[in-house]
Amino acid sequence: MKNLYKITSFICISILFLSCGARVDLDEGQWGDTAYITGVQVFNLDIEDHELQEFYLSGETVPGARRSNLSTFTEVDDVAATLIVTVPTETDLSRVGIGLVHTSVAIQTIAGPKPGIIGDFSGVGPFVYRSISSDGTTRDFTLTFEKTL
C-alpha cells in the first residue's frame, strides 16, 4: 500500500512539474500593420420616458437615454488618412458622438472629442484620431463632416 501511495505521488508531482514549463505568448507584432480606421458611426442620445417593466407593476415611467444612430455615409481614404462623414443637413453637430470602426489595437484622440461619448463636432476642427497597430505602426486620421444639400 505504501508503494502504491509513493508511485501515485511521484506521478502526480511529475505531471505537475512537466505542465508548468515555459509558456509561449502570442506575438501580436506578427500580424503586421493594422492601423486603419474603416468607418465612422455618428449617434446622438434621445431622452424618452420609459416604463419600468421588469419587476414593477405600477406603470411608473422614468426618463432615460437611448442611443440613436444617424444615417451617414463615410468616405475613407487610407492613403491620405482622411475620414469624410456626410450627415443630413438638419444634424446638430454640437451634440453628437462618434464610434470608430477600426482594425487596430487602440485608438487615441489627438484633437477633438473622444469617441463613444457625446461631444461638440460643430467647431472647425481638425478632428484627429491616431490608430495604433499591434506592430507599433501609427496612423493619424483626420475626420471632417460634410452636410448633405
N, C-alpha and C. Protein backbone atom coordinates (compact mmCIF):
# COMPACT_ATOMS: atom_id res chain seq x y z
N MET A 1 0.82 -1.19 0.00
CA MET A 1 0.00 0.00 0.00
C MET A 1 0.86 1.26 0.00
N LYS A 2 1.98 1.22 0.78
CA LYS A 2 2.88 2.36 0.82
C LYS A 2 3.51 2.61 -0.54
N ASN A 3 3.84 1.53 -1.24
CA ASN A 3 4.46 1.67 -2.56
C ASN A 3 3.48 2.30 -3.56
N LEU A 4 2.23 1.89 -3.48
CA LEU A 4 1.22 2.45 -4.37
C LEU A 4 1.05 3.95 -4.11
N TYR A 5 1.07 4.34 -2.85
CA TYR A 5 0.96 5.75 -2.48
C TYR A 5 2.17 6.53 -3.00
N LYS A 6 3.37 5.99 -2.86
CA LYS A 6 4.58 6.65 -3.33
C LYS A 6 4.59 6.79 -4.84
N ILE A 7 4.17 5.75 -5.55
CA ILE A 7 4.15 5.79 -7.01
C ILE A 7 3.13 6.82 -7.50
N THR A 8 1.97 6.84 -6.88
CA THR A 8 0.93 7.80 -7.26
C THR A 8 1.39 9.23 -6.99
N SER A 9 2.00 9.45 -5.86
CA SER A 9 2.52 10.78 -5.53
C SER A 9 3.59 11.22 -6.52
N PHE A 10 4.49 10.30 -6.84
CA PHE A 10 5.57 10.61 -7.79
C PHE A 10 5.00 10.99 -9.16
N ILE A 11 4.00 10.26 -9.62
CA ILE A 11 3.39 10.53 -10.93
C ILE A 11 2.69 11.89 -10.91
N CYS A 12 1.97 12.19 -9.84
CA CYS A 12 1.26 13.49 -9.75
C CYS A 12 2.25 14.65 -9.72
N ILE A 13 3.32 14.51 -8.94
CA ILE A 13 4.31 15.58 -8.86
C ILE A 13 5.03 15.73 -10.19
N SER A 14 5.33 14.65 -10.87
CA SER A 14 6.00 14.71 -12.18
C SER A 14 5.11 15.43 -13.20
N ILE A 15 3.85 15.10 -13.20
CA ILE A 15 2.91 15.75 -14.13
C ILE A 15 2.82 17.24 -13.82
N LEU A 16 2.78 17.60 -12.54
CA LEU A 16 2.70 18.99 -12.14
C LEU A 16 3.92 19.78 -12.63
N PHE A 17 5.13 19.24 -12.43
CA PHE A 17 6.34 19.94 -12.87
C PHE A 17 6.45 20.00 -14.39
N LEU A 18 6.05 18.97 -15.07
CA LEU A 18 6.14 18.98 -16.53
C LEU A 18 5.13 19.94 -17.15
N SER A 19 4.00 20.12 -16.52
CA SER A 19 2.99 21.01 -17.10
C SER A 19 3.26 22.48 -16.79
N CYS A 20 4.19 22.76 -15.91
CA CYS A 20 4.50 24.15 -15.55
C CYS A 20 5.72 24.67 -16.29
N GLY A 21 5.96 24.18 -17.47
CA GLY A 21 7.11 24.61 -18.24
C GLY A 21 6.92 26.01 -18.81
N ALA A 22 7.83 26.41 -19.65
CA ALA A 22 7.79 27.73 -20.25
C ALA A 22 6.53 27.90 -21.09
N ARG A 23 5.94 29.06 -21.00
CA ARG A 23 4.73 29.37 -21.78
C ARG A 23 5.12 30.28 -22.93
N VAL A 24 4.45 30.11 -24.03
CA VAL A 24 4.70 30.94 -25.20
C VAL A 24 3.48 31.81 -25.42
N ASP A 25 3.67 33.13 -25.38
CA ASP A 25 2.58 34.08 -25.60
C ASP A 25 2.50 34.43 -27.07
N LEU A 26 1.32 34.85 -27.48
CA LEU A 26 1.10 35.27 -28.86
C LEU A 26 1.87 36.56 -29.13
N ASP A 27 2.65 36.55 -30.18
CA ASP A 27 3.37 37.74 -30.60
C ASP A 27 2.45 38.54 -31.51
N GLU A 28 1.83 39.59 -30.94
CA GLU A 28 0.88 40.37 -31.72
C GLU A 28 1.54 41.08 -32.89
N GLY A 29 2.84 41.35 -32.80
CA GLY A 29 3.54 42.05 -33.85
C GLY A 29 3.62 41.29 -35.16
N GLN A 30 3.37 39.99 -35.11
CA GLN A 30 3.46 39.19 -36.32
C GLN A 30 2.34 39.48 -37.30
N TRP A 31 1.30 40.16 -36.86
CA TRP A 31 0.17 40.41 -37.74
C TRP A 31 0.38 41.61 -38.63
N GLY A 32 1.43 42.38 -38.40
CA GLY A 32 1.77 43.49 -39.29
C GLY A 32 0.97 44.74 -39.04
N ASP A 33 0.94 45.59 -40.04
CA ASP A 33 0.31 46.90 -39.96
C ASP A 33 -1.21 46.77 -40.08
N THR A 34 -1.89 47.03 -38.98
CA THR A 34 -3.36 47.01 -38.98
C THR A 34 -3.92 48.33 -38.48
N ALA A 35 -3.15 49.39 -38.60
CA ALA A 35 -3.54 50.71 -38.06
C ALA A 35 -4.47 51.43 -39.03
N TYR A 36 -5.69 50.92 -39.16
CA TYR A 36 -6.65 51.52 -40.09
C TYR A 36 -7.99 51.76 -39.41
N ILE A 37 -8.59 52.89 -39.74
CA ILE A 37 -9.97 53.16 -39.36
C ILE A 37 -10.79 52.93 -40.61
N THR A 38 -11.80 52.07 -40.51
CA THR A 38 -12.55 51.67 -41.70
C THR A 38 -13.94 52.30 -41.79
N GLY A 39 -14.37 52.97 -40.74
CA GLY A 39 -15.69 53.59 -40.79
C GLY A 39 -15.97 54.43 -39.55
N VAL A 40 -16.99 55.26 -39.67
CA VAL A 40 -17.40 56.12 -38.56
C VAL A 40 -18.92 56.00 -38.41
N GLN A 41 -19.37 55.78 -37.18
CA GLN A 41 -20.80 55.78 -36.87
C GLN A 41 -21.09 57.04 -36.06
N VAL A 42 -22.09 57.78 -36.48
CA VAL A 42 -22.47 59.01 -35.78
C VAL A 42 -23.78 58.74 -35.05
N PHE A 43 -23.86 59.16 -33.79
CA PHE A 43 -25.07 58.90 -33.00
C PHE A 43 -25.38 60.10 -32.12
N ASN A 44 -26.61 60.14 -31.65
CA ASN A 44 -27.00 61.10 -30.62
C ASN A 44 -27.83 60.36 -29.59
N LEU A 45 -28.16 61.04 -28.52
CA LEU A 45 -28.97 60.43 -27.46
C LEU A 45 -30.34 61.07 -27.44
N ASP A 46 -31.36 60.24 -27.47
CA ASP A 46 -32.74 60.71 -27.36
C ASP A 46 -33.22 60.45 -25.94
N ILE A 47 -33.71 61.49 -25.28
CA ILE A 47 -34.24 61.34 -23.93
C ILE A 47 -35.72 61.04 -24.05
N GLU A 48 -36.14 59.92 -23.49
CA GLU A 48 -37.53 59.47 -23.57
C GLU A 48 -37.96 58.95 -22.21
N ASP A 49 -39.27 58.90 -22.02
CA ASP A 49 -39.81 58.27 -20.82
C ASP A 49 -39.99 56.79 -21.09
N HIS A 50 -39.46 55.97 -20.19
CA HIS A 50 -39.58 54.53 -20.32
C HIS A 50 -40.35 53.99 -19.13
N GLU A 51 -41.18 53.00 -19.42
CA GLU A 51 -41.95 52.37 -18.35
C GLU A 51 -41.09 51.33 -17.66
N LEU A 52 -41.14 51.34 -16.33
CA LEU A 52 -40.42 50.33 -15.56
C LEU A 52 -41.18 49.02 -15.73
N GLN A 53 -40.58 48.05 -16.38
CA GLN A 53 -41.34 46.86 -16.75
C GLN A 53 -40.90 45.60 -16.03
N GLU A 54 -39.64 45.42 -15.81
CA GLU A 54 -39.16 44.11 -15.38
C GLU A 54 -39.76 43.64 -14.07
N PHE A 55 -39.65 44.46 -13.01
CA PHE A 55 -40.08 44.00 -11.70
C PHE A 55 -41.19 44.86 -11.10
N TYR A 56 -41.65 45.84 -11.87
CA TYR A 56 -42.62 46.78 -11.33
C TYR A 56 -43.94 46.66 -12.09
N LEU A 57 -45.04 46.73 -11.36
CA LEU A 57 -46.36 46.65 -11.96
C LEU A 57 -47.11 47.97 -11.86
N SER A 58 -46.43 49.03 -11.41
CA SER A 58 -47.11 50.30 -11.14
C SER A 58 -47.39 51.10 -12.40
N GLY A 59 -46.73 50.81 -13.52
CA GLY A 59 -46.90 51.60 -14.73
C GLY A 59 -46.15 52.91 -14.67
N GLU A 60 -45.28 53.07 -13.69
CA GLU A 60 -44.50 54.29 -13.50
C GLU A 60 -43.48 54.43 -14.63
N THR A 61 -43.23 55.67 -15.02
CA THR A 61 -42.24 55.91 -16.07
C THR A 61 -41.08 56.73 -15.51
N VAL A 62 -39.91 56.53 -16.10
CA VAL A 62 -38.71 57.29 -15.73
C VAL A 62 -38.03 57.77 -17.01
N PRO A 63 -37.37 58.94 -16.95
CA PRO A 63 -36.66 59.39 -18.14
C PRO A 63 -35.40 58.55 -18.35
N GLY A 64 -35.09 58.29 -19.58
CA GLY A 64 -33.89 57.52 -19.91
C GLY A 64 -33.36 57.93 -21.27
N ALA A 65 -32.11 57.62 -21.50
CA ALA A 65 -31.47 57.97 -22.77
C ALA A 65 -31.36 56.73 -23.64
N ARG A 66 -31.58 56.93 -24.90
CA ARG A 66 -31.46 55.85 -25.88
C ARG A 66 -30.53 56.32 -27.00
N ARG A 67 -29.56 55.49 -27.33
CA ARG A 67 -28.64 55.83 -28.42
C ARG A 67 -29.35 55.66 -29.75
N SER A 68 -29.22 56.68 -30.59
CA SER A 68 -29.88 56.68 -31.89
C SER A 68 -28.84 56.95 -32.97
N ASN A 69 -28.57 55.96 -33.82
CA ASN A 69 -27.60 56.14 -34.91
C ASN A 69 -28.19 57.01 -36.00
N LEU A 70 -27.38 57.93 -36.52
CA LEU A 70 -27.82 58.80 -37.60
C LEU A 70 -27.46 58.18 -38.94
N SER A 71 -28.24 58.48 -39.94
CA SER A 71 -27.97 57.99 -41.29
C SER A 71 -26.82 58.79 -41.87
N THR A 72 -25.69 58.14 -42.06
CA THR A 72 -24.50 58.82 -42.54
C THR A 72 -23.80 58.00 -43.62
N PHE A 73 -22.87 58.65 -44.30
CA PHE A 73 -22.01 57.97 -45.25
C PHE A 73 -20.58 58.41 -44.95
N THR A 74 -19.65 57.46 -44.90
CA THR A 74 -18.26 57.78 -44.60
C THR A 74 -17.38 57.43 -45.78
N GLU A 75 -16.62 58.42 -46.23
CA GLU A 75 -15.62 58.19 -47.28
C GLU A 75 -14.26 58.05 -46.59
N VAL A 76 -13.63 56.89 -46.75
CA VAL A 76 -12.36 56.61 -46.10
C VAL A 76 -11.26 56.59 -47.15
N ASP A 77 -10.21 57.36 -46.91
CA ASP A 77 -9.03 57.35 -47.77
C ASP A 77 -7.84 56.90 -46.92
N ASP A 78 -7.43 55.64 -47.10
CA ASP A 78 -6.34 55.09 -46.30
C ASP A 78 -5.00 55.73 -46.61
N VAL A 79 -4.79 56.12 -47.86
CA VAL A 79 -3.51 56.70 -48.25
C VAL A 79 -3.33 58.09 -47.63
N ALA A 80 -4.34 58.93 -47.74
CA ALA A 80 -4.27 60.28 -47.16
C ALA A 80 -4.67 60.29 -45.69
N ALA A 81 -5.15 59.18 -45.18
CA ALA A 81 -5.61 59.04 -43.78
C ALA A 81 -6.67 60.08 -43.45
N THR A 82 -7.72 60.13 -44.29
CA THR A 82 -8.82 61.06 -44.06
C THR A 82 -10.14 60.31 -43.96
N LEU A 83 -11.03 60.86 -43.17
CA LEU A 83 -12.39 60.34 -42.99
C LEU A 83 -13.34 61.50 -43.23
N ILE A 84 -14.17 61.39 -44.25
CA ILE A 84 -15.15 62.43 -44.54
C ILE A 84 -16.53 61.83 -44.29
N VAL A 85 -17.22 62.37 -43.29
CA VAL A 85 -18.52 61.84 -42.89
C VAL A 85 -19.60 62.79 -43.39
N THR A 86 -20.52 62.28 -44.19
CA THR A 86 -21.64 63.06 -44.70
C THR A 86 -22.85 62.80 -43.82
N VAL A 87 -23.39 63.88 -43.24
CA VAL A 87 -24.56 63.77 -42.36
C VAL A 87 -25.70 64.59 -42.93
N PRO A 88 -26.95 64.31 -42.54
CA PRO A 88 -28.09 65.12 -43.00
C PRO A 88 -27.94 66.58 -42.59
N THR A 89 -28.50 67.48 -43.38
CA THR A 89 -28.37 68.92 -43.17
C THR A 89 -28.85 69.35 -41.79
N GLU A 90 -29.92 68.76 -41.29
CA GLU A 90 -30.50 69.18 -40.02
C GLU A 90 -29.75 68.65 -38.79
N THR A 91 -28.66 67.92 -38.97
CA THR A 91 -27.92 67.34 -37.85
C THR A 91 -27.22 68.44 -37.04
N ASP A 92 -27.47 68.43 -35.73
CA ASP A 92 -26.81 69.36 -34.82
C ASP A 92 -25.49 68.73 -34.37
N LEU A 93 -24.39 69.17 -34.97
CA LEU A 93 -23.09 68.58 -34.68
C LEU A 93 -22.53 68.99 -33.32
N SER A 94 -23.24 69.87 -32.61
CA SER A 94 -22.76 70.26 -31.28
C SER A 94 -23.14 69.24 -30.22
N ARG A 95 -23.99 68.28 -30.54
CA ARG A 95 -24.44 67.26 -29.58
C ARG A 95 -24.49 65.88 -30.20
N VAL A 96 -23.41 65.42 -30.80
CA VAL A 96 -23.36 64.07 -31.36
C VAL A 96 -22.12 63.35 -30.84
N GLY A 97 -22.13 62.06 -30.99
CA GLY A 97 -20.97 61.23 -30.65
C GLY A 97 -20.57 60.42 -31.87
N ILE A 98 -19.37 59.90 -31.84
CA ILE A 98 -18.91 59.05 -32.94
C ILE A 98 -18.41 57.72 -32.39
N GLY A 99 -18.55 56.72 -33.20
CA GLY A 99 -17.95 55.42 -32.93
C GLY A 99 -17.03 55.11 -34.10
N LEU A 100 -15.79 54.77 -33.81
CA LEU A 100 -14.83 54.49 -34.87
C LEU A 100 -14.73 52.99 -35.08
N VAL A 101 -14.93 52.56 -36.31
CA VAL A 101 -14.78 51.16 -36.69
C VAL A 101 -13.34 51.01 -37.17
N HIS A 102 -12.57 50.11 -36.54
CA HIS A 102 -11.15 50.04 -36.87
C HIS A 102 -10.63 48.62 -36.75
N THR A 103 -9.43 48.41 -37.32
CA THR A 103 -8.77 47.11 -37.25
C THR A 103 -7.54 47.17 -36.35
N SER A 104 -7.31 48.28 -35.71
CA SER A 104 -6.11 48.47 -34.90
C SER A 104 -6.30 47.93 -33.49
N VAL A 105 -5.23 48.03 -32.71
CA VAL A 105 -5.26 47.58 -31.33
C VAL A 105 -5.86 48.67 -30.43
N ALA A 106 -5.57 49.93 -30.75
CA ALA A 106 -6.05 51.04 -29.92
C ALA A 106 -6.24 52.29 -30.76
N ILE A 107 -7.09 53.18 -30.25
CA ILE A 107 -7.33 54.48 -30.87
C ILE A 107 -7.04 55.54 -29.81
N GLN A 108 -6.28 56.57 -30.19
CA GLN A 108 -6.01 57.71 -29.31
C GLN A 108 -6.63 58.96 -29.91
N THR A 109 -7.17 59.81 -29.06
CA THR A 109 -7.69 61.10 -29.51
C THR A 109 -6.55 62.11 -29.50
N ILE A 110 -6.24 62.66 -30.67
CA ILE A 110 -5.20 63.68 -30.77
C ILE A 110 -5.83 65.08 -30.66
N ALA A 111 -6.90 65.31 -31.41
CA ALA A 111 -7.59 66.61 -31.36
C ALA A 111 -9.07 66.35 -31.63
N GLY A 112 -9.92 66.80 -30.71
CA GLY A 112 -11.35 66.64 -30.87
C GLY A 112 -11.96 65.85 -29.73
N PRO A 113 -13.27 65.69 -29.74
CA PRO A 113 -13.96 64.93 -28.70
C PRO A 113 -13.59 63.44 -28.75
N LYS A 114 -13.68 62.80 -27.61
CA LYS A 114 -13.37 61.37 -27.53
C LYS A 114 -14.47 60.56 -28.18
N PRO A 115 -14.11 59.47 -28.85
CA PRO A 115 -15.13 58.59 -29.43
C PRO A 115 -15.95 57.90 -28.33
N GLY A 116 -17.21 57.63 -28.63
CA GLY A 116 -18.06 56.88 -27.72
C GLY A 116 -18.90 57.72 -26.79
N ILE A 117 -18.62 59.02 -26.70
CA ILE A 117 -19.42 59.89 -25.83
C ILE A 117 -19.89 61.10 -26.64
N ILE A 118 -20.92 61.76 -26.16
CA ILE A 118 -21.46 62.92 -26.84
C ILE A 118 -20.44 64.07 -26.73
N GLY A 119 -20.19 64.71 -27.86
CA GLY A 119 -19.24 65.81 -27.88
C GLY A 119 -19.67 66.89 -28.86
N ASP A 120 -18.85 67.91 -28.98
CA ASP A 120 -19.14 69.04 -29.86
C ASP A 120 -18.26 68.95 -31.11
N PHE A 121 -18.86 68.56 -32.22
CA PHE A 121 -18.15 68.48 -33.50
C PHE A 121 -18.52 69.65 -34.41
N SER A 122 -19.13 70.70 -33.83
CA SER A 122 -19.54 71.83 -34.65
C SER A 122 -18.38 72.78 -34.94
N GLY A 123 -17.27 72.64 -34.24
CA GLY A 123 -16.12 73.50 -34.45
C GLY A 123 -15.43 73.23 -35.78
N VAL A 124 -14.47 74.05 -36.08
CA VAL A 124 -13.76 73.96 -37.35
C VAL A 124 -12.91 72.70 -37.43
N GLY A 125 -12.39 72.25 -36.32
CA GLY A 125 -11.52 71.07 -36.35
C GLY A 125 -10.08 71.50 -36.56
N PRO A 126 -9.21 70.70 -37.04
CA PRO A 126 -9.46 69.33 -37.48
C PRO A 126 -9.62 68.39 -36.29
N PHE A 127 -10.34 67.31 -36.51
CA PHE A 127 -10.51 66.27 -35.53
C PHE A 127 -9.57 65.14 -35.94
N VAL A 128 -8.62 64.81 -35.08
CA VAL A 128 -7.58 63.85 -35.43
C VAL A 128 -7.58 62.70 -34.44
N TYR A 129 -7.56 61.48 -34.98
CA TYR A 129 -7.54 60.26 -34.18
C TYR A 129 -6.40 59.38 -34.65
N ARG A 130 -5.60 58.90 -33.70
CA ARG A 130 -4.44 58.05 -34.01
C ARG A 130 -4.82 56.59 -33.86
N SER A 131 -4.57 55.83 -34.91
CA SER A 131 -4.80 54.40 -34.92
C SER A 131 -3.46 53.70 -34.68
N ILE A 132 -3.42 52.79 -33.71
CA ILE A 132 -2.18 52.13 -33.33
C ILE A 132 -2.28 50.65 -33.66
N SER A 133 -1.31 50.16 -34.43
CA SER A 133 -1.27 48.77 -34.85
C SER A 133 -0.54 47.92 -33.82
N SER A 134 -0.73 46.62 -33.87
CA SER A 134 -0.06 45.72 -32.93
C SER A 134 1.44 45.68 -33.14
N ASP A 135 1.92 46.01 -34.33
CA ASP A 135 3.36 46.01 -34.56
C ASP A 135 3.99 47.37 -34.28
N GLY A 136 3.21 48.32 -33.75
CA GLY A 136 3.74 49.62 -33.39
C GLY A 136 3.51 50.71 -34.43
N THR A 137 2.99 50.36 -35.59
CA THR A 137 2.70 51.35 -36.61
C THR A 137 1.57 52.26 -36.14
N THR A 138 1.71 53.57 -36.37
CA THR A 138 0.65 54.51 -36.04
C THR A 138 0.25 55.27 -37.30
N ARG A 139 -0.99 55.68 -37.35
CA ARG A 139 -1.51 56.44 -38.48
C ARG A 139 -2.52 57.44 -37.93
N ASP A 140 -2.33 58.72 -38.23
CA ASP A 140 -3.23 59.78 -37.75
C ASP A 140 -4.29 60.07 -38.81
N PHE A 141 -5.55 59.78 -38.48
CA PHE A 141 -6.66 60.02 -39.38
C PHE A 141 -7.33 61.34 -39.04
N THR A 142 -7.59 62.16 -40.06
CA THR A 142 -8.27 63.43 -39.90
C THR A 142 -9.74 63.25 -40.26
N LEU A 143 -10.62 63.64 -39.35
CA LEU A 143 -12.07 63.47 -39.52
C LEU A 143 -12.70 64.82 -39.81
N THR A 144 -13.49 64.89 -40.89
CA THR A 144 -14.26 66.10 -41.19
C THR A 144 -15.70 65.71 -41.47
N PHE A 145 -16.60 66.67 -41.25
CA PHE A 145 -18.02 66.45 -41.51
C PHE A 145 -18.47 67.31 -42.68
N GLU A 146 -19.33 66.75 -43.50
CA GLU A 146 -19.99 67.47 -44.57
C GLU A 146 -21.48 67.25 -44.42
N LYS A 147 -22.25 68.29 -44.68
CA LYS A 147 -23.72 68.17 -44.63
C LYS A 147 -24.26 68.03 -46.03
N THR A 148 -25.27 67.17 -46.19
CA THR A 148 -25.89 66.98 -47.50
C THR A 148 -26.68 68.23 -47.86
N LEU A 149 -26.81 68.45 -49.14
CA LEU A 149 -27.54 69.64 -49.61
C LEU A 149 -28.99 69.32 -49.84
